[in-house]
Protein backbone atom coordinates (compact mmCIF):
# COMPACT_ATOMS: atom_id res chain seq x y z
CA MET A 1 132.45 69.66 22.77
CA SER A 2 129.27 67.93 21.73
CA ALA A 3 126.30 66.90 23.81
CA LEU A 4 123.83 64.44 22.37
CA ALA A 5 120.58 63.92 24.20
CA GLU A 6 117.83 61.48 23.44
CA PHE A 7 114.68 62.32 25.30
CA ALA A 8 110.99 61.62 25.33
CA MET A 9 108.47 63.82 27.09
CA PHE A 10 104.70 63.51 27.07
CA PRO A 11 101.70 63.93 29.36
CA THR A 12 100.24 60.84 30.96
CA ASP A 13 96.92 62.46 31.83
CA LYS A 14 95.70 63.28 28.30
CA GLY A 15 94.57 59.94 26.93
CA GLU A 16 95.99 57.45 24.49
CA SER A 17 97.21 59.81 21.74
CA VAL A 18 99.56 62.60 22.81
CA SER A 19 101.00 63.70 19.45
CA HIS A 20 99.33 67.10 19.87
CA TYR A 21 101.50 67.72 22.94
CA VAL A 22 104.66 66.18 21.50
CA SER A 23 104.24 68.40 18.42
CA ARG A 24 104.62 71.49 20.60
CA ILE A 25 108.02 70.25 21.75
CA ILE A 26 109.21 69.32 18.27
CA LYS A 27 108.17 72.72 16.92
CA MET A 28 110.19 74.43 19.66
CA ILE A 29 113.27 72.30 18.94
CA ASP A 30 112.94 72.91 15.20
CA GLU A 31 112.70 76.66 15.72
CA SER A 32 115.69 76.61 18.11
CA GLY A 33 118.09 75.81 15.28
CA PHE A 34 119.64 72.80 17.01
CA ASN A 35 120.30 69.71 14.92
CA TYR A 36 117.79 66.98 15.85
CA ARG A 37 116.16 63.76 14.75
CA LEU A 38 112.62 62.75 15.62
CA THR A 39 112.18 59.01 16.12
CA PRO A 40 109.06 57.00 16.99
CA MET A 41 110.28 56.65 20.60
CA GLY A 42 111.86 60.06 21.27
CA THR A 43 113.93 62.89 19.88
CA ILE A 44 117.70 63.17 19.61
CA VAL A 45 119.16 66.68 19.89
CA GLU A 46 122.78 67.78 19.44
CA ALA A 47 124.07 70.88 21.19
CA ASP A 48 127.46 72.31 22.11
CA ASN A 49 127.18 71.57 25.82
CA ILE A 50 125.00 70.15 28.56
CA LYS A 51 123.66 73.58 29.54
CA GLU A 52 122.05 73.92 26.12
CA ILE A 53 120.62 70.42 26.40
CA THR A 54 119.09 71.05 29.81
CA ALA A 55 117.67 74.36 28.54
CA ILE A 56 115.90 72.50 25.72
CA VAL A 57 114.47 69.94 28.14
CA ASN A 58 113.33 72.72 30.49
CA LYS A 59 111.63 74.59 27.64
CA ALA A 60 109.92 71.36 26.58
CA TYR A 61 108.50 70.92 30.05
CA GLU A 62 107.37 74.54 30.18
CA LEU A 63 105.34 73.92 27.01
CA LEU A 64 103.41 71.15 28.76
CA GLU A 65 103.15 72.30 32.36
CA THR A 66 100.39 74.84 31.72
CA ASP A 67 97.77 72.26 30.75
CA CYS A 68 99.21 68.90 31.78
CA ASN A 69 99.05 67.63 35.35
CA ARG A 70 101.45 64.73 34.89
CA VAL A 71 104.43 64.60 32.50
CA TYR A 72 106.65 61.58 31.88
CA THR A 73 110.24 62.17 30.77
CA THR A 74 113.22 59.98 29.89
CA ILE A 75 116.63 61.44 29.07
CA LYS A 76 119.93 59.95 27.92
CA ILE A 77 122.91 62.29 27.45
CA ASP A 78 126.31 61.62 25.86
CA ILE A 79 128.92 64.38 26.24
CA ARG A 80 132.18 64.26 24.34
CA LYS A 81 134.98 66.79 24.33
CA GLY A 82 136.66 67.67 21.04
CA ALA A 83 133.91 66.31 18.83
CA GLY A 84 131.12 67.77 16.78
CA ASN A 85 128.46 66.79 14.25
CA ARG A 86 128.04 63.49 16.06
CA LEU A 87 124.40 63.13 15.11
CA GLU A 88 125.62 62.44 11.58
CA ALA A 89 129.13 61.13 12.29
CA LYS A 90 128.07 58.27 14.55
CA VAL A 91 125.74 56.86 11.88
CA SER A 92 128.34 57.42 9.13
CA SER A 93 130.91 55.48 11.15
CA VAL A 94 128.63 52.44 11.27
CA GLU A 95 127.73 52.79 7.57
CA LYS A 96 131.43 52.74 6.63
CA LYS A 97 131.64 49.33 8.25
CA ILE A 98 128.40 47.70 7.05
CA GLY A 99 126.89 49.89 4.34
CA LYS A 100 123.74 52.01 4.32
CA VAL A 101 121.34 51.65 7.23
CA LYS A 102 117.72 52.70 7.58
CA LYS A 103 117.26 56.13 9.11
């Protein structure tokens, strides 16, 4: 099984630039060992199941809740049985049809 989640989480009470807060989350994901991709609009994480995904999102919130009064979050999750390495495979499938794409 594979669970892909694209999520964005950031405080809305800390001004215009929130990269300091987002960096905490990315560091946690990086140290977790899960495969992920940071994009300008969010982060995509691949885990074995939805429990691992929700644990990552919960940890991300815990990193912000201590000094942020308002946190905005969006989450999209795609769960597929019998599949793995979809973070790479989904892009490769498109590239086989049209050639290299920007990543």
